[in-house]
Amino acid sequence: MHFYVREADWVTEQASIAAIRSQVFIEEQHVPPELEWDGLDESALHLLAMAEDGQVMGCARVLSDGGIGRMAVLVSWRQQGVGRALLQAAISACQRHGWLDIHLSAQTHAVVFYEKAGFEVISDEYMDAGIPHKAMKLHV
């Protein structure tokens, strides 16, 4: 199925974004809700991956410091290029806004995914929400 990625308005599309993040992070990965809902969403740029028929597939969040995060793809849409498309859209949004210190906190199992997009590991492994992570920065 074909899909597209677009910017999403937090105020009007909060329910769709929250549903994806709740399912992936809170239910699937057992992230405590108080850590997931960190108060940064209102000022962030949000992206939604949408199937042609209007189904939401995944989301990502970009902060004004060039931080990419909260990337989540629903399990039924994984391994179909949705994550890669969300990441490219997030990088493009950072560049468009002049946020050139593009960085993220990658779950350790996903480091190779981000390396394929040009990110480099810049930290030792650390725990975030009980999940091993590594800080990464886009090499430009």
Protein backbone atom coordinates (compact mmCIF):
# COMPACT_ATOMS: atom_id res chain seq x y z
CA MET A 1 0.00 0.00 0.00
CA HIS A 2 1.21 3.49 -0.77
CA PHE A 3 1.63 6.07 1.96
CA TYR A 4 2.79 9.61 2.51
CA VAL A 5 4.26 11.67 5.33
CA ARG A 6 2.93 15.09 6.21
CA GLU A 7 3.21 17.67 8.95
CA ALA A 8 0.50 17.36 11.57
CA ASP A 9 -1.02 19.95 13.86
CA TRP A 10 -0.79 18.87 17.50
CA VAL A 11 -3.96 20.70 18.52
CA THR A 12 -6.22 19.13 15.92
CA GLU A 13 -4.46 15.78 15.46
CA GLN A 14 -3.35 15.05 19.00
CA ALA A 15 -5.65 12.03 19.26
CA SER A 16 -4.11 10.29 16.23
CA ILE A 17 -0.54 11.01 17.31
CA ALA A 18 -1.24 10.02 20.92
CA ALA A 19 -2.89 6.76 19.81
CA ILE A 20 0.22 5.71 17.87
CA ARG A 21 2.63 6.66 20.65
CA SER A 22 0.46 5.06 23.33
CA GLN A 23 0.29 1.80 21.42
CA VAL A 24 4.01 1.65 20.56
CA PHE A 25 5.70 3.21 23.57
CA ILE A 26 3.31 2.75 26.50
CA GLU A 27 1.66 -0.57 25.63
CA GLU A 28 4.31 -2.34 23.55
CA GLN A 29 7.50 -1.01 25.17
CA HIS A 30 6.11 -0.34 28.66
CA VAL A 31 7.25 3.29 28.84
CA PRO A 32 5.54 4.97 31.82
CA PRO A 33 2.93 7.50 30.60
CA GLU A 34 4.47 10.27 32.70
CA LEU A 35 7.71 9.88 30.72
CA GLU A 36 6.00 9.70 27.34
CA TRP A 37 3.93 12.83 27.86
CA ASP A 38 6.80 15.20 28.66
CA GLY A 39 5.12 18.55 27.94
CA LEU A 40 7.12 19.21 24.76
CA ASP A 41 4.44 18.28 22.23
CA GLU A 42 2.66 21.63 22.18
CA SER A 43 5.76 23.44 20.85
CA ALA A 44 7.07 20.63 18.60
CA LEU A 45 6.67 19.96 14.91
CA HIS A 46 4.83 16.67 14.36
CA LEU A 47 4.83 14.32 11.38
CA LEU A 48 2.28 11.65 10.51
CA ALA A 49 2.68 8.77 8.08
CA MET A 50 -0.65 8.08 6.44
CA ALA A 51 -1.87 5.28 4.19
CA GLU A 52 -3.71 6.33 1.05
CA ASP A 53 -6.97 5.25 2.66
CA GLY A 54 -6.41 7.62 5.60
CA GLN A 55 -5.14 5.12 8.18
CA VAL A 56 -2.41 6.45 10.43
CA MET A 57 0.76 4.37 10.27
CA GLY A 58 3.36 6.19 12.32
CA CYS A 59 4.56 9.49 13.70
CA ALA A 60 7.64 11.49 14.65
CA ARG A 61 8.35 14.66 16.58
CA VAL A 62 10.94 17.36 15.87
CA LEU A 63 12.02 19.90 18.47
CA SER A 64 13.37 23.35 17.63
CA ASP A 65 16.87 22.35 18.78
CA GLY A 66 17.05 19.80 15.94
CA GLY A 67 16.09 16.87 18.15
CA ILE A 68 14.19 14.11 16.37
CA GLY A 69 12.23 11.79 18.58
CA ARG A 70 9.07 9.93 19.40
CA MET A 71 9.39 8.04 16.11
CA ALA A 72 6.86 5.25 16.18
CA VAL A 73 5.43 2.95 13.52
CA LEU A 74 2.46 0.72 14.28
CA VAL A 75 3.42 -2.95 14.20
CA SER A 76 1.27 -3.77 11.16
CA TRP A 77 3.14 -1.16 9.09
CA ARG A 78 6.72 -2.01 10.03
CA GLN A 79 9.32 -3.19 7.49
CA GLN A 80 7.57 -1.25 4.70
CA GLY A 81 9.71 1.91 4.60
CA VAL A 82 7.46 3.97 6.88
CA GLY A 83 10.16 4.62 9.49
CA ARG A 84 12.68 5.58 6.82
CA ALA A 85 10.18 8.01 5.25
CA LEU A 86 9.38 9.56 8.64
CA LEU A 87 13.08 9.99 9.40
CA GLN A 88 13.78 11.61 6.03
CA ALA A 89 10.81 13.96 6.51
CA ALA A 90 12.09 14.87 9.99
CA ILE A 91 15.59 15.59 8.66
CA SER A 92 14.12 17.70 5.86
CA ALA A 93 11.98 19.64 8.36
CA CYS A 94 15.06 20.37 10.47
CA GLN A 95 16.98 21.61 7.44
CA ARG A 96 14.05 23.72 6.24
CA HIS A 97 13.81 25.43 9.64
CA GLY A 98 17.57 25.91 9.96
CA TRP A 99 17.87 23.46 12.87
CA LEU A 100 21.19 22.02 11.72
CA ASP A 101 22.36 20.29 14.90
CA ILE A 102 20.24 17.26 14.06
CA HIS A 103 20.36 14.64 16.80
CA LEU A 104 18.34 11.89 18.41
CA SER A 105 18.32 9.32 21.17
CA ALA A 106 18.16 5.92 19.51
CA GLN A 107 17.03 2.74 21.13
CA THR A 108 20.13 0.55 20.87
CA HIS A 109 18.39 -2.03 18.67
CA ALA A 110 17.66 0.73 16.12
CA VAL A 111 21.18 2.21 15.88
CA VAL A 112 21.89 0.52 12.53
CA PHE A 113 18.64 1.95 11.10
CA TYR A 114 19.79 5.48 11.97
CA GLU A 115 23.36 4.85 10.80
CA LYS A 116 21.99 3.99 7.35
CA ALA A 117 20.52 7.53 7.27
CA GLY A 118 23.88 9.11 8.13
CA PHE A 119 23.70 9.34 11.92
CA GLU A 120 26.74 8.55 14.07
CA VAL A 121 26.78 7.30 17.66
CA ILE A 122 28.14 9.99 20.00
CA SER A 123 27.64 8.38 23.42
CA ASP A 124 27.97 5.22 25.38
CA GLU A 125 24.81 3.25 26.01
CA TYR A 126 22.45 4.68 28.65
CA MET A 127 19.02 3.81 29.94
CA ASP A 128 15.98 5.93 29.15
CA ALA A 129 12.55 4.76 30.33
CA GLY A 130 14.12 1.39 31.10
CA ILE A 131 15.27 0.94 27.48
CA PRO A 132 18.94 1.02 26.35
CA HIS A 133 19.71 4.03 24.13
CA LYS A 134 22.63 5.75 22.43
CA ALA A 135 22.84 9.42 21.51
CA MET A 136 23.34 9.99 17.78
CA LYS A 137 24.07 12.99 15.58
CA LEU A 138 23.57 13.43 11.84
CA HIS A 139 26.91 13.66 10.10
CA VAL A 140 26.71 16.44 7.51
